[in-house]
Amino acid sequence: MKSEELFKEAQNYLPGGVDSPVRAYKPYPFFAKEAKGSKIIDVDGNSYIDYCLAYGPLVLGHANEKIMGKVAEQLKIGSAYGVPTENEIKLAKLVIKKVPCADMVRFVNSGTEATMSAIRLARAATGKKKIIKFEGSYHGAHDYVLVKSGSGAAGLPDSPGVPEDTTKNTVLIPFNDKEAVVDLIEREKNDIAAIIVEPIMGNVGFIPPKEDYLKFLRQITGQNNIILIFDEVITGFRIAEGGAQEYFGVTPDLVTFGKILGGGFPIGALAGKKEFMEMIAPAGTVYQAGTFNGNPVSITAGLAMLNQLNDDFYAESKRKGKMIRTGIQDILSDNNLNFKIVGLSSMFQLYFTDKEVYDYDTAKSADTEKFNQYFQTLLKNGVFIPPSQFECCFISSMHDNEDIQKTLEAVEKAIKV
């Protein structure tokens, strides 16, 4: 059965024909049959060089043999136990060894669960209610943070069913704006429990922090009894062994993980300073629980993933990222196009705008129709990127120079459409 036929059938059984909104694009999404390395193959037999990589988890490419082998071994002895396993300790030790702020870890099932738990913990630790969130940042699909996370009016929930009473304690300010932070904290510091931030905003494309911005956040939160939470669901273990906090030299109080940590399987984690983490039940009174917390399959995959991320991996990620971004910039320059190619390490995105992109509003200036034409042309030429302007593209260890060269050839065709 072909992708078009499957999509028509899926619409009868799945809302919009998909299980996550960004997977739906016109005229219909392709349905995957299999994937290996840097390639994903659809049910129609088309092969694509994949820069979506399941929206970020697959830094070692699809179907990594070591991960698949360890998972196969685990499946033979059980998929869930409801009691602790030794591998949970091993993975926690590995996270703590790598991540500067991590003294203890709580494994959950998704990035959404991790950020929800981090916010609950921050409120408990400070006795305050409000959180600061940056416009356009995405911290999962729970009610507290589903406010201006890519769409929606400022201060109002992005989705029907989210009560305004729930989001009234979520305060929005622009990213990379120091004055906005200072003004807000001066007015409301006695009510602000936490600032939650993506060190690099990866859900409006790619927006890095301005110089010293994260250090500024660390300083002002420390001075005002405000918990600093880094959402490293995207950046964690990708741009450096210890994530963005290692790369930028800024240590938060709490950090959330997902994606890469699971090695292609569902996982999330909350980690941080012992004084806060020991407040979580059963050590403390802040409730957090889950049937699949510490699931042995995901934990096994996570161990197999992190044990492969060495210095060579990070050096190659940097090299390949620079290669593709430089290549795209050369194409733009040769064609006198003032679009913006941005990225770091194995992350990149192309904005169809002549403005510098440093926050949500400047990202929204990009031409989304032009991006859609770009996406569709890349797809026709065997390159798959996330179908939204406001997602990030990723490179894996399995992308080789030939993949990147073919991609650049497709990009040159796509930007001329």
Foldseek 3Di string as FASTA:
>chain_A
DFQVVQQVVLVVPPPNSDDDVLQADPPGHFAFDFFDFQWTAGPVGFIFREQCQVQAQAQATPPPPLLVVLLVVVVVVDFADLDDDPLVVVLQVLLPVQADFFPGKWKDFAQLQQVVLVLLLLCVVQVAQAEEEEALADRDDDLQRQANVPDDDHLDGPDPPRDSVNPNRYHYDKAQDLVVVVVVCVVPLSHYREYEEACWRFQLATAHHDPCRLVSVLVVCVVRNHFYEHECQRQDCAQGSNGPCVVNVHHGAKYKYFRNLQLPHGMMMIGGHPVRVCCEPPSHDRDDDDSCTPGVSSSSSNVSRSVPSDPVSQVVQQVVCCVLQVLLVVLCVVVVAQWDWDDHRFKIAIFQDNDDDNTSVVSVVGDFVLLQQLQVQSVVLRHHARNGNRHITGHHPSDDPVNSVSSSVSNSVSNVD
